[in-house]
Amino acid sequence: MWVTGGLLRRHEQGLNRRPAHFQIGVAAPSDLADISSTMSSPPSPESLNHVAARALTSVQNGMKLGLGTGRAAEAFIRALATRVNEGLQVVAVTTSIRSQTLAEELSIPLSTIADTPALDVAFDGADEVTPQLDLTKGLGGALLRERVIAHAADRFIVLVTPEKLVDQLGSRTPIPIEVVPFAEAPVARALQSLGGEPVTRTAGDKAYLTDNGNLIVDTGFPPIADPATLDAAVRAIPGVVDTGLFLGMASEVIVGEADGARVLS
């Protein structure tokens, strides 16, 4: 079983056993940070600065950008804001309310996916990256919107630090799966039948809800030898909205390290 800072609850014998006082609510941004930070030591500020600086070299005046969610994405948003304040002209669409709030605070011009359906580049983080550039995403809770934005972009640039590099997906994190609340119990049973250990993400005594009003069921699997087959099987379960398996989507991965950044492509 994956345990992340006490913010997850197990599905026992295929059933979600909630106490009688259980109420659905929304996790605060600080809770989201706790979820990802328990998976490993936080990346150094230097490595985040290097990955953000390297990513900025792919931004040109007049571009339409996708802005992701998480530590690396937020480092990029802050670096982008500095360039915008110096006169760079861009418009951005964010993958979460959390990133939207940060971008607004930093005066980055924003649009919506409805008004700006085609993007030049999307920048986002990842929780795992394989040598084939397949990804696990979703510990930050924004996987569905992240997929929409990545799909809308001509290029999808992924920003990580070295601890995110793995040989196989599922090696260091559970796979986040976005699920409609009504289907939580049957989805959990189906995930168990696939060999997973499903745990619905919570914040205290309340379920974490995505910006779309859905649950996230973090599901531990052994290292995944065939992620495409698993992804198809999970998506076939009624009630599953999206999975954290992002396969064949990344254009390149920038790895920020203490002394610089390198690019995987």
Foldseek 3Di string as FASTA:
>chain_A
DDDQPPQWAFAPPLHDDAPPVFDADADDQVVLLSRLCRLDHDADPLLLLQLLVVVCVPDAAAFEEEQEDDDSSLSNLVVVLVVVVVPRHYEYEYQAPVVVVSNVVSPHHYDYCVVVVAGAEYEYEFQAQALQRKGFDASSPRQVSSVSRLVRYPAYEYEEAVVRYDNFPLDRFFKKWWFAVVCVSVLSNQCVVVVKGWIKGHDVSHGHAHPVRTTITGIHHHGDPDVVVVQVSSVPRPGTDHIRTGPPRHPWYWYGDNVHIDIRD
